[in-house]
Amino acid sequence: MIFLQSALKHLQTATFFESSGDSLRRKGFFPTKDPSLLHNCKQYFWVRPDASVLQAVYFNPLEDSFREELILKHYVQHLVKDSRSEGIGFNILSRDRPWDFRVGFSSGITQNVEITAITDREGFFQRLTAEELIQRHAHYPTIRLGILEKILGKFPDHNIADLIADKRQSGFSKSDEVENPYYPEKPKVFTSINMLPLLNLKDELQKAILEKQRKKHRGKQQTILIIDNRTAIADIDDFMRVAKEMSHFFDWVEFPEIWLYTGYGGGHVEEFEECLLLPLKLPRALHKQFGLCD
């Protein structure tokens, strides 16, 4: 399987960033660059019951549309680099009509791209959403009282509660702007003492793909499906095992290409970006259509 070959090549050739301390890194899913230098990057440290620490690095843009655009850009860059066809360019022809992107390549080929995400921890997306709520609003000196109350519901804080109570007694409504206690924006540390239940990786991957397969929209045969890897502790070995078990399933779904995308950082400057793209399903004939094969 092409995925297994790509994963093994990655493990053999990648030189991962050596972080300080005694924490372990996710096998195969760790950047080669210093995470502190990557844009839109978040680091997690999972403390296991045996007191060992697993370190993970995540791509963390705060707007979903921006995240999808960067994933698309990284996919195309990977496609061109992997094929050694530097002259290939692309344009976004449409958004969400009905697929996430309709892309036109300079070779004359057009293709749809659909992006979905998976995790291996129950409630992980909800936790990320709560953290991003603070990060998104920390850039502004004022904040709506209703938003501040929403943050308080997710992150209890006596000082914030007293601030809200004082504003309420003064007659402020949810739509009124108040001073923002999270401003100015600065690095934040989020902690939690409860470990989220572990989900079955194979089930979550199949569920995400089936959700897209069941869409009634036409054009699946011309749509590239990208799986945004938001897992917490799964490593490349886990995905290699699951990919082998799901080979017949991948053949059955209509999407001609299915990629696993693991992002670490990204923005507008390539120097501060890094990601890993591994194919779950990739017919060589499709690359020949693009003129992207040797």
C-alpha atoms as a PDB file:
ATOM      1  CA  MET A   1       0.000   0.000   0.000  1.00  0.00           C
ATOM      2  CA  ILE A   2       1.306   3.436  -0.947  1.00  0.00           C
ATOM      3  CA  PHE A   3       0.442   4.857   2.486  1.00  0.00           C
ATOM      4  CA  LEU A   4       2.658   2.330   4.243  1.00  0.00           C
ATOM      5  CA  GLN A   5       5.558   3.081   1.909  1.00  0.00           C
ATOM      6  CA  SER A   6       5.184   6.850   2.394  1.00  0.00           C
ATOM      7  CA  ALA A   7       4.934   6.515   6.161  1.00  0.00           C
ATOM      8  CA  LEU A   8       8.019   4.335   6.364  1.00  0.00           C
ATOM      9  CA  LYS A   9       9.970   6.728   4.131  1.00  0.00           C
ATOM     10  CA  HIS A  10       8.942   9.604   6.389  1.00  0.00           C
ATOM     11  CA  LEU A  11      10.111   7.794   9.519  1.00  0.00           C
ATOM     12  CA  GLN A  12      13.418   6.911   7.887  1.00  0.00           C
ATOM     13  CA  THR A  13      14.260  10.345   6.484  1.00  0.00           C
ATOM     14  CA  ALA A  14      12.690  12.940   8.785  1.00  0.00           C
ATOM     15  CA  THR A  15      14.860  14.574  11.438  1.00  0.00           C
ATOM     16  CA  PHE A  16      12.423  15.754  14.077  1.00  0.00           C
ATOM     17  CA  PHE A  17      13.011  18.792  16.245  1.00  0.00           C
ATOM     18  CA  GLU A  18      14.688  17.797  19.510  1.00  0.00           C
ATOM     19  CA  SER A  19      12.634  19.375  22.272  1.00  0.00           C
ATOM     20  CA  SER A  20      14.125  19.997  25.678  1.00  0.00           C
ATOM     21  CA  GLY A  21      12.985  18.077  28.727  1.00  0.00           C
ATOM     22  CA  ASP A  22      11.953  14.465  29.203  1.00  0.00           C
ATOM     23  CA  SER A  23       8.701  14.500  27.228  1.00  0.00           C
ATOM     24  CA  LEU A  24       8.123  11.929  24.491  1.00  0.00           C
ATOM     25  CA  ARG A  25       7.047  12.951  21.011  1.00  0.00           C
ATOM     26  CA  ARG A  26       4.284  11.386  18.973  1.00  0.00           C
ATOM     27  CA  LYS A  27       5.882   8.809  16.692  1.00  0.00           C
ATOM     28  CA  GLY A  28       6.022  10.166  13.169  1.00  0.00           C
ATOM     29  CA  PHE A  29       3.750  13.137  13.896  1.00  0.00           C
ATOM     30  CA  PHE A  30       6.123  15.857  15.022  1.00  0.00           C
ATOM     31  CA  PRO A  31       7.650  18.812  13.133  1.00  0.00           C
ATOM     32  CA  THR A  32      11.257  19.062  12.069  1.00  0.00           C
ATOM     33  CA  LYS A  33      11.264  22.797  12.912  1.00  0.00           C
ATOM     34  CA  ASP A  34      11.205  24.395  16.342  1.00  0.00           C
ATOM     35  CA  PRO A  35       7.461  24.633  17.214  1.00  0.00           C
ATOM     36  CA  SER A  36       7.998  28.029  18.836  1.00  0.00           C
ATOM     37  CA  LEU A  37       8.977  29.422  15.423  1.00  0.00           C
ATOM     38  CA  LEU A  38       5.949  28.080  13.549  1.00  0.00           C
ATOM     39  CA  HIS A  39       2.992  30.382  12.917  1.00  0.00           C
ATOM     40  CA  ASN A  40      -0.476  29.388  14.168  1.00  0.00           C
ATOM     41  CA  CYS A  41       1.060  26.608  16.231  1.00  0.00           C
ATOM     42  CA  LYS A  42      -0.102  25.137  19.538  1.00  0.00           C
ATOM     43  CA  GLN A  43       1.741  22.657  21.753  1.00  0.00           C
ATOM     44  CA  TYR A  44       0.105  20.061  23.996  1.00  0.00           C
ATOM     45  CA  PHE A  45       1.619  18.018  26.816  1.00  0.00           C
ATOM     46  CA  TRP A  46      -0.373  14.935  27.821  1.00  0.00           C
ATOM     47  CA  VAL A  47       0.561  13.593  31.266  1.00  0.00           C
ATOM     48  CA  ARG A  48      -0.105   9.864  31.379  1.00  0.00           C
ATOM     49  CA  PRO A  49      -1.096   7.864  34.496  1.00  0.00           C
ATOM     50  CA  ASP A  50       2.484   6.583  34.766  1.00  0.00           C
ATOM     51  CA  ALA A  51       3.685  10.238  34.910  1.00  0.00           C
ATOM     52  CA  SER A  52       5.282  10.079  31.445  1.00  0.00           C
ATOM     53  CA  VAL A  53       4.593  13.072  29.205  1.00  0.00           C
ATOM     54  CA  LEU A  54       3.625  12.907  25.538  1.00  0.00           C
ATOM     55  CA  GLN A  55       4.229  16.087  23.534  1.00  0.00           C
ATOM     56  CA  ALA A  56       2.134  16.964  20.464  1.00  0.00           C
ATOM     57  CA  VAL A  57       2.233  19.941  18.107  1.00  0.00           C
ATOM     58  CA  TYR A  58      -0.891  21.239  16.368  1.00  0.00           C
ATOM     59  CA  PHE A  59      -1.696  23.602  13.535  1.00  0.00           C
ATOM     60  CA  ASN A  60      -3.940  26.188  15.209  1.00  0.00           C
ATOM     61  CA  PRO A  61      -5.426  28.939  13.003  1.00  0.00           C
ATOM     62  CA  LEU A  62      -8.445  30.427  14.756  1.00  0.00           C
ATOM     63  CA  GLU A  63     -10.725  30.779  11.710  1.00  0.00           C
ATOM     64  CA  ASP A  64     -12.007  27.618  10.034  1.00  0.00           C
ATOM     65  CA  SER A  65     -12.082  29.175   6.560  1.00  0.00           C
ATOM     66  CA  PHE A  66      -8.446  30.299   6.890  1.00  0.00           C
ATOM     67  CA  ARG A  67      -7.480  26.835   8.114  1.00  0.00           C
ATOM     68  CA  GLU A  68      -9.112  25.201   5.092  1.00  0.00           C
ATOM     69  CA  GLU A  69      -7.382  27.603   2.691  1.00  0.00           C
ATOM     70  CA  LEU A  70      -3.985  26.805   4.206  1.00  0.00           C
ATOM     71  CA  ILE A  71      -4.661  23.055   4.085  1.00  0.00           C
ATOM     72  CA  LEU A  72      -5.528  23.404   0.394  1.00  0.00           C
ATOM     73  CA  LYS A  73      -2.344  25.388  -0.223  1.00  0.00           C
ATOM     74  CA  HIS A  74      -0.230  22.804   1.604  1.00  0.00           C
ATOM     75  CA  TYR A  75      -1.847  19.993  -0.374  1.00  0.00           C
ATOM     76  CA  VAL A  76      -1.093  21.640  -3.727  1.00  0.00           C
ATOM     77  CA  GLN A  77       2.466  22.491  -2.655  1.00  0.00           C
ATOM     78  CA  HIS A  78       2.993  18.878  -1.627  1.00  0.00           C
ATOM     79  CA  LEU A  79       1.516  17.623  -4.899  1.00  0.00           C
ATOM     80  CA  VAL A  80       3.805  19.810  -7.003  1.00  0.00           C
ATOM     81  CA  LYS A  81       6.917  19.151  -4.921  1.00  0.00           C
ATOM     82  CA  ASP A  82       6.320  15.394  -4.873  1.00  0.00           C
ATOM     83  CA  SER A  83       5.933  15.329  -8.662  1.00  0.00           C
ATOM     84  CA  ARG A  84       8.867  17.719  -9.338  1.00  0.00           C
ATOM     85  CA  SER A  85       6.577  19.804 -11.583  1.00  0.00           C
ATOM     86  CA  GLU A  86       7.371  23.320 -10.396  1.00  0.00           C
ATOM     87  CA  GLY A  87       5.459  24.990 -13.249  1.00  0.00           C
ATOM     88  CA  ILE A  88       2.004  23.843 -12.107  1.00  0.00           C
ATOM     89  CA  GLY A  89      -0.170  26.643 -10.653  1.00  0.00           C
ATOM     90  CA  PHE A  90      -3.738  26.727  -9.347  1.00  0.00           C
ATOM     91  CA  ASN A  91      -6.671  29.051  -8.690  1.00  0.00           C
ATOM     92  CA  ILE A  92      -9.676  28.681  -6.396  1.00  0.00           C
ATOM     93  CA  LEU A  93     -12.701  28.787  -8.704  1.00  0.00           C
ATOM     94  CA  SER A  94     -15.397  28.520  -6.020  1.00  0.00           C
ATOM     95  CA  ARG A  95     -16.004  27.907  -2.304  1.00  0.00           C
ATOM     96  CA  ASP A  96     -18.685  25.698  -0.734  1.00  0.00           C
ATOM     97  CA  ARG A  97     -20.606  25.149  -3.979  1.00  0.00           C
ATOM     98  CA  PRO A  98     -21.161  22.414  -2.928  1.00  0.00           C
ATOM     99  CA  TRP A  99     -17.657  21.126  -2.102  1.00  0.00           C
ATOM    100  CA  ASP A 100     -15.222  23.119   0.028  1.00  0.00           C
ATOM    101  CA  PHE A 101     -13.180  24.122  -3.025  1.00  0.00           C
ATOM    102  CA  ARG A 102     -13.319  23.947  -6.786  1.00  0.00           C
ATOM    103  CA  VAL A 103      -9.721  24.252  -7.977  1.00  0.00           C
ATOM    104  CA  GLY A 104      -8.397  24.954 -11.456  1.00  0.00           C
ATOM    105  CA  PHE A 105      -4.850  23.875 -12.321  1.00  0.00           C
ATOM    106  CA  SER A 106      -2.743  25.565 -14.978  1.00  0.00           C
ATOM    107  CA  SER A 107      -2.615  22.228 -16.807  1.00  0.00           C
ATOM    108  CA  GLY A 108      -6.298  22.757 -17.635  1.00  0.00           C
ATOM    109  CA  ILE A 109      -7.661  20.205 -15.148  1.00  0.00           C
ATOM    110  CA  THR A 110     -10.265  21.207 -12.532  1.00  0.00           C
ATOM    111  CA  GLN A 111     -10.830  19.299  -9.314  1.00  0.00           C
ATOM    112  CA  ASN A 112     -12.941  19.496  -6.158  1.00  0.00           C
ATOM    113  CA  VAL A 113     -11.337  19.386  -2.716  1.00  0.00           C
ATOM    114  CA  GLU A 114     -13.294  18.479   0.423  1.00  0.00           C
ATOM    115  CA  ILE A 115     -11.808  18.714   3.927  1.00  0.00           C
ATOM    116  CA  THR A 116     -13.008  16.943   7.068  1.00  0.00           C
ATOM    117  CA  ALA A 117     -11.422  16.348  10.478  1.00  0.00           C
ATOM    118  CA  ILE A 118     -11.001  13.499  12.937  1.00  0.00           C
ATOM    119  CA  THR A 119      -9.898  13.202  16.550  1.00  0.00           C
ATOM    120  CA  ASP A 120      -9.292  10.280  18.889  1.00  0.00           C
ATOM    121  CA  ARG A 121     -10.506  11.957  22.089  1.00  0.00           C
ATOM    122  CA  GLU A 122     -14.186  12.386  22.925  1.00  0.00           C
ATOM    123  CA  GLY A 123     -14.977  16.066  23.457  1.00  0.00           C
ATOM    124  CA  PHE A 124     -11.622  17.228  22.064  1.00  0.00           C
ATOM    125  CA  PHE A 125     -13.167  19.504  19.433  1.00  0.00           C
ATOM    126  CA  GLN A 126     -15.369  21.136  22.075  1.00  0.00           C
ATOM    127  CA  ARG A 127     -12.305  21.794  24.224  1.00  0.00           C
ATOM    128  CA  LEU A 128     -10.432  23.284  21.278  1.00  0.00           C
ATOM    129  CA  THR A 129     -13.412  25.518  20.494  1.00  0.00           C
ATOM    130  CA  ALA A 130     -13.436  26.810  24.066  1.00  0.00           C
ATOM    131  CA  GLU A 131      -9.708  27.592  24.006  1.00  0.00           C
ATOM    132  CA  GLU A 132     -10.001  29.300  20.631  1.00  0.00           C
ATOM    133  CA  LEU A 133     -12.832  31.467  21.972  1.00  0.00           C
ATOM    134  CA  ILE A 134     -10.400  33.151  24.376  1.00  0.00           C
ATOM    135  CA  GLN A 135      -7.606  33.343  21.802  1.00  0.00           C
ATOM    136  CA  ARG A 136      -9.876  34.870  19.162  1.00  0.00           C
ATOM    137  CA  HIS A 137     -11.104  37.673  21.429  1.00  0.00           C
ATOM    138  CA  ALA A 138      -7.795  38.371  23.191  1.00  0.00           C
ATOM    139  CA  HIS A 139      -6.676  40.654  20.348  1.00  0.00           C
ATOM    140  CA  TYR A 140      -9.155  43.433  21.230  1.00  0.00           C
ATOM    141  CA  PRO A 141      -9.148  45.863  24.211  1.00  0.00           C
ATOM    142  CA  THR A 142     -12.910  45.479  24.716  1.00  0.00           C
ATOM    143  CA  ILE A 143     -15.243  42.495  24.605  1.00  0.00           C
ATOM    144  CA  ARG A 144     -19.004  42.017  24.684  1.00  0.00           C
ATOM    145  CA  LEU A 145     -20.278  41.095  28.132  1.00  0.00           C
ATOM    146  CA  GLY A 146     -22.174  38.136  26.674  1.00  0.00           C
ATOM    147  CA  ILE A 147     -18.967  36.699  25.202  1.00  0.00           C
ATOM    148  CA  LEU A 148     -17.208  37.166  28.536  1.00  0.00           C
ATOM    149  CA  GLU A 149     -20.021  35.241  30.245  1.00  0.00           C
ATOM    150  CA  LYS A 150     -19.679  32.469  27.669  1.00  0.00           C
ATOM    151  CA  ILE A 151     -15.943  32.204  28.363  1.00  0.00           C
ATOM    152  CA  LEU A 152     -16.597  32.143  32.114  1.00  0.00           C
ATOM    153  CA  GLY A 153     -18.923  29.165  31.607  1.00  0.00           C
ATOM    154  CA  LYS A 154     -16.076  27.217  30.042  1.00  0.00           C
ATOM    155  CA  PHE A 155     -13.205  28.547  32.186  1.00  0.00           C
ATOM    156  CA  PRO A 156     -14.375  29.444  35.737  1.00  0.00           C
ATOM    157  CA  ASP A 157     -12.446  32.393  37.190  1.00  0.00           C
ATOM    158  CA  HIS A 158     -13.368  34.309  40.365  1.00  0.00           C
ATOM    159  CA  ASN A 159     -11.937  37.592  39.055  1.00  0.00           C
ATOM    160  CA  ILE A 160     -13.896  37.365  35.802  1.00  0.00           C
ATOM    161  CA  ALA A 161     -17.052  36.411  37.715  1.00  0.00           C
ATOM    162  CA  ASP A 162     -16.679  39.478  39.960  1.00  0.00           C
ATOM    163  CA  LEU A 163     -16.115  41.706  36.910  1.00  0.00           C
ATOM    164  CA  ILE A 164     -19.282  40.385  35.232  1.00  0.00           C
ATOM    165  CA  ALA A 165     -21.331  40.751  38.417  1.00  0.00           C
ATOM    166  CA  ASP A 166     -20.163  44.353  38.806  1.00  0.00           C
ATOM    167  CA  LYS A 167     -21.090  45.191  35.215  1.00  0.00           C
ATOM    168  CA  ARG A 168     -24.485  43.554  35.598  1.00  0.00           C
ATOM    169  CA  GLN A 169     -25.224  45.587  38.727  1.00  0.00           C
ATOM    170  CA  SER A 170     -24.262  48.714  36.796  1.00  0.00           C
ATOM    171  CA  GLY A 171     -26.904  47.943  34.161  1.00  0.00           C
ATOM    172  CA  PHE A 172     -24.730  46.518  31.373  1.00  0.00           C
ATOM    173  CA  SER A 173     -26.421  44.138  28.903  1.00  0.00           C
ATOM    174  CA  LYS A 174     -24.911  41.180  27.021  1.00  0.00           C
ATOM    175  CA  SER A 175     -24.344  43.305  23.923  1.00  0.00           C
ATOM    176  CA  ASP A 176     -22.438  46.061  25.778  1.00  0.00           C
ATOM    177  CA  GLU A 177     -18.661  46.285  25.393  1.00  0.00           C
ATOM    178  CA  VAL A 178     -16.551  46.066  28.566  1.00  0.00           C
ATOM    179  CA  GLU A 179     -12.813  46.101  29.223  1.00  0.00           C
ATOM    180  CA  ASN A 180     -11.239  42.852  28.074  1.00  0.00           C
ATOM    181  CA  PRO A 181      -9.350  41.059  30.882  1.00  0.00           C
ATOM    182  CA  TYR A 182      -7.613  38.833  28.288  1.00  0.00           C
ATOM    183  CA  TYR A 183      -6.108  41.764  26.397  1.00  0.00           C
ATOM    184  CA  PRO A 184      -3.372  42.197  25.275  1.00  0.00           C
ATOM    185  CA  GLU A 185      -3.027  38.854  23.511  1.00  0.00           C
ATOM    186  CA  LYS A 186      -0.141  36.791  24.854  1.00  0.00           C
ATOM    187  CA  PRO A 187       0.827  33.094  25.069  1.00  0.00           C
ATOM    188  CA  LYS A 188      -1.616  31.171  27.244  1.00  0.00           C
ATOM    189  CA  VAL A 189      -1.430  27.878  29.090  1.00  0.00           C
ATOM    190  CA  PHE A 190      -4.634  25.826  29.311  1.00  0.00           C
ATOM    191  CA  THR A 191      -4.725  23.008  31.837  1.00  0.00           C
ATOM    192  CA  SER A 192      -7.175  20.210  32.595  1.00  0.00           C
ATOM    193  CA  ILE A 193      -7.127  17.412  35.155  1.00  0.00           C
ATOM    194  CA  ASN A 194      -9.671  15.170  33.410  1.00  0.00           C
ATOM    195  CA  MET A 195      -8.488  12.894  30.602  1.00  0.00           C
ATOM    196  CA  LEU A 196     -10.928  12.772  27.706  1.00  0.00           C
ATOM    197  CA  PRO A 197     -12.115   9.243  26.818  1.00  0.00           C
ATOM    198  CA  LEU A 198     -10.219   7.595  23.977  1.00  0.00           C
ATOM    199  CA  LEU A 199     -12.136   6.969  20.745  1.00  0.00           C
ATOM    200  CA  ASN A 200     -11.584   4.119  18.283  1.00  0.00           C
ATOM    201  CA  LEU A 201      -9.365   5.515  15.511  1.00  0.00           C
ATOM    202  CA  LYS A 202     -10.685   3.199  12.798  1.00  0.00           C
ATOM    203  CA  ASP A 203     -14.308   3.974  13.667  1.00  0.00           C
ATOM    204  CA  GLU A 204     -13.692   7.737  13.645  1.00  0.00           C
ATOM    205  CA  LEU A 205     -11.835   7.635  10.337  1.00  0.00           C
ATOM    206  CA  GLN A 206     -14.539   5.538   8.702  1.00  0.00           C
ATOM    207  CA  LYS A 207     -17.280   7.732  10.150  1.00  0.00           C
ATOM    208  CA  ALA A 208     -15.681  10.912   8.771  1.00  0.00           C
ATOM    209  CA  ILE A 209     -15.289   9.428   5.286  1.00  0.00           C
ATOM    210  CA  LEU A 210     -18.800   7.937   5.249  1.00  0.00           C
ATOM    211  CA  GLU A 211     -20.293  11.307   6.167  1.00  0.00           C
ATOM    212  CA  LYS A 212     -18.775  12.757   3.007  1.00  0.00           C
ATOM    213  CA  GLN A 213     -19.574   9.679   0.893  1.00  0.00           C
ATOM    214  CA  ARG A 214     -23.258   9.986   1.835  1.00  0.00           C
ATOM    215  CA  LYS A 215     -23.507  13.576   0.595  1.00  0.00           C
ATOM    216  CA  LYS A 216     -25.985  13.698  -2.271  1.00  0.00           C
ATOM    217  CA  HIS A 217     -23.885  16.146  -4.276  1.00  0.00           C
ATOM    218  CA  ARG A 218     -22.532  15.057  -7.627  1.00  0.00           C
ATOM    219  CA  GLY A 219     -18.870  14.955  -8.475  1.00  0.00           C
ATOM    220  CA  LYS A 220     -17.384  12.625  -5.862  1.00  0.00           C
ATOM    221  CA  GLN A 221     -15.303  10.974  -8.598  1.00  0.00           C
ATOM    222  CA  GLN A 222     -13.667  14.370  -9.202  1.00  0.00           C
ATOM    223  CA  THR A 223     -13.242  15.239  -5.503  1.00  0.00           C
ATOM    224  CA  ILE A 224     -10.084  14.928  -3.425  1.00  0.00           C
ATOM    225  CA  LEU A 225     -10.860  14.188   0.228  1.00  0.00           C
ATOM    226  CA  ILE A 226      -8.407  15.484   2.846  1.00  0.00           C
ATOM    227  CA  ILE A 227      -8.629  14.181   6.420  1.00  0.00           C
ATOM    228  CA  ASP A 228      -7.431  16.855   8.864  1.00  0.00           C
ATOM    229  CA  ASN A 229      -5.633  14.872  11.574  1.00  0.00           C
ATOM    230  CA  ARG A 230      -6.619  16.409  14.920  1.00  0.00           C
ATOM    231  CA  THR A 231      -5.874  13.289  16.956  1.00  0.00           C
ATOM    232  CA  ALA A 232      -4.368  13.694  20.405  1.00  0.00           C
ATOM    233  CA  ILE A 233      -2.149  10.639  20.890  1.00  0.00           C
ATOM    234  CA  ALA A 234      -2.411   8.482  17.744  1.00  0.00           C
ATOM    235  CA  ASP A 235       0.918   8.026  15.939  1.00  0.00           C
ATOM    236  CA  ILE A 236       1.892   6.883  12.458  1.00  0.00           C
ATOM    237  CA  ASP A 237       1.942   3.205  13.481  1.00  0.00           C
ATOM    238  CA  ASP A 238      -1.706   3.476  14.512  1.00  0.00           C
ATOM    239  CA  PHE A 239      -2.691   4.972  11.163  1.00  0.00           C
ATOM    240  CA  MET A 240      -0.618   2.408   9.273  1.00  0.00           C
ATOM    241  CA  ARG A 241      -2.468  -0.403  11.020  1.00  0.00           C
ATOM    242  CA  VAL A 242      -5.880   1.168  10.436  1.00  0.00           C
ATOM    243  CA  ALA A 243      -5.094   2.001   6.788  1.00  0.00           C
ATOM    244  CA  LYS A 244      -4.234  -1.646   6.107  1.00  0.00           C
ATOM    245  CA  GLU A 245      -7.469  -2.827   7.729  1.00  0.00           C
ATOM    246  CA  MET A 246      -9.510  -0.314   5.696  1.00  0.00           C
ATOM    247  CA  SER A 247      -7.982  -0.930   2.254  1.00  0.00           C
ATOM    248  CA  HIS A 248     -11.173  -2.467   0.830  1.00  0.00           C
ATOM    249  CA  PHE A 249     -13.221   0.375   2.298  1.00  0.00           C
ATOM    250  CA  PHE A 250     -10.981   2.953   0.612  1.00  0.00           C
ATOM    251  CA  ASP A 251     -11.450   1.137  -2.700  1.00  0.00           C
ATOM    252  CA  TRP A 252     -15.231   1.202  -2.210  1.00  0.00           C
ATOM    253  CA  VAL A 253     -15.670   4.945  -1.589  1.00  0.00           C
ATOM    254  CA  GLU A 254     -15.985   7.112  -4.685  1.00  0.00           C
ATOM    255  CA  PHE A 255     -13.300   9.673  -3.871  1.00  0.00           C
ATOM    256  CA  PRO A 256     -10.273   8.976  -6.107  1.00  0.00           C
ATOM    257  CA  GLU A 257      -7.816  10.469  -3.598  1.00  0.00           C
ATOM    258  CA  ILE A 258      -7.916  10.432   0.205  1.00  0.00           C
ATOM    259  CA  TRP A 259      -5.101  12.142   2.104  1.00  0.00           C
ATOM    260  CA  LEU A 260      -4.217  12.345   5.780  1.00  0.00           C
ATOM    261  CA  TYR A 261      -3.103  15.886   6.616  1.00  0.00           C
ATOM    262  CA  THR A 262      -1.196  16.623   9.830  1.00  0.00           C
ATOM    263  CA  GLY A 263      -0.504  20.311  10.295  1.00  0.00           C
ATOM    264  CA  TYR A 264       1.994  21.911  12.657  1.00  0.00           C
ATOM    265  CA  GLY A 265       2.128  25.535  11.530  1.00  0.00           C
ATOM    266  CA  GLY A 266       1.179  27.743   8.630  1.00  0.00           C
ATOM    267  CA  GLY A 267       0.440  31.241   7.415  1.00  0.00           C
ATOM    268  CA  HIS A 268       1.737  33.362   4.590  1.00  0.00           C
ATOM    269  CA  VAL A 269       5.476  32.725   4.953  1.00  0.00           C
ATOM    270  CA  GLU A 270       6.771  29.289   3.978  1.00  0.00           C
ATOM    271  CA  GLU A 271       9.697  29.551   6.407  1.00  0.00           C
ATOM    272  CA  PHE A 272       7.269  29.350   9.340  1.00  0.00           C
ATOM    273  CA  GLU A 273       5.118  26.521   7.964  1.00  0.00           C
ATOM    274  CA  GLU A 274       5.250  22.756   8.245  1.00  0.00           C
ATOM    275  CA  CYS A 275       2.870  19.869   7.650  1.00  0.00           C
ATOM    276  CA  LEU A 276       2.838  16.201   6.720  1.00  0.00           C
ATOM    277  CA  LEU A 277       0.609  14.739   3.978  1.00  0.00           C
ATOM    278  CA  LEU A 278       0.253  10.985   3.636  1.00  0.00           C
ATOM    279  CA  PRO A 279      -1.983   9.263   1.052  1.00  0.00           C
ATOM    280  CA  LEU A 280      -4.622   6.788   2.168  1.00  0.00           C
ATOM    281  CA  LYS A 281      -5.864   6.347  -1.404  1.00  0.00           C
ATOM    282  CA  LEU A 282      -4.002   7.586  -4.466  1.00  0.00           C
ATOM    283  CA  PRO A 283      -4.377   6.193  -8.005  1.00  0.00           C
ATOM    284  CA  ARG A 284      -1.352   6.967 -10.153  1.00  0.00           C
ATOM    285  CA  ALA A 285      -3.595   7.453 -13.184  1.00  0.00           C
ATOM    286  CA  LEU A 286      -4.985  10.646 -11.667  1.00  0.00           C
ATOM    287  CA  HIS A 287      -1.524  12.146 -11.351  1.00  0.00           C
ATOM    288  CA  LYS A 288      -0.842  11.368 -14.992  1.00  0.00           C
ATOM    289  CA  GLN A 289      -3.895  13.401 -15.939  1.00  0.00           C
ATOM    290  CA  PHE A 290      -2.345  16.419 -14.219  1.00  0.00           C
ATOM    291  CA  GLY A 291       0.985  15.841 -15.891  1.00  0.00           C
ATOM    292  CA  LEU A 292       2.472  15.508 -12.404  1.00  0.00           C
ATOM    293  CA  CYS A 293       4.324  12.224 -12.877  1.00  0.00           C
ATOM    294  CA  ASP A 294       7.894  11.671 -14.002  1.00  0.00           C
END
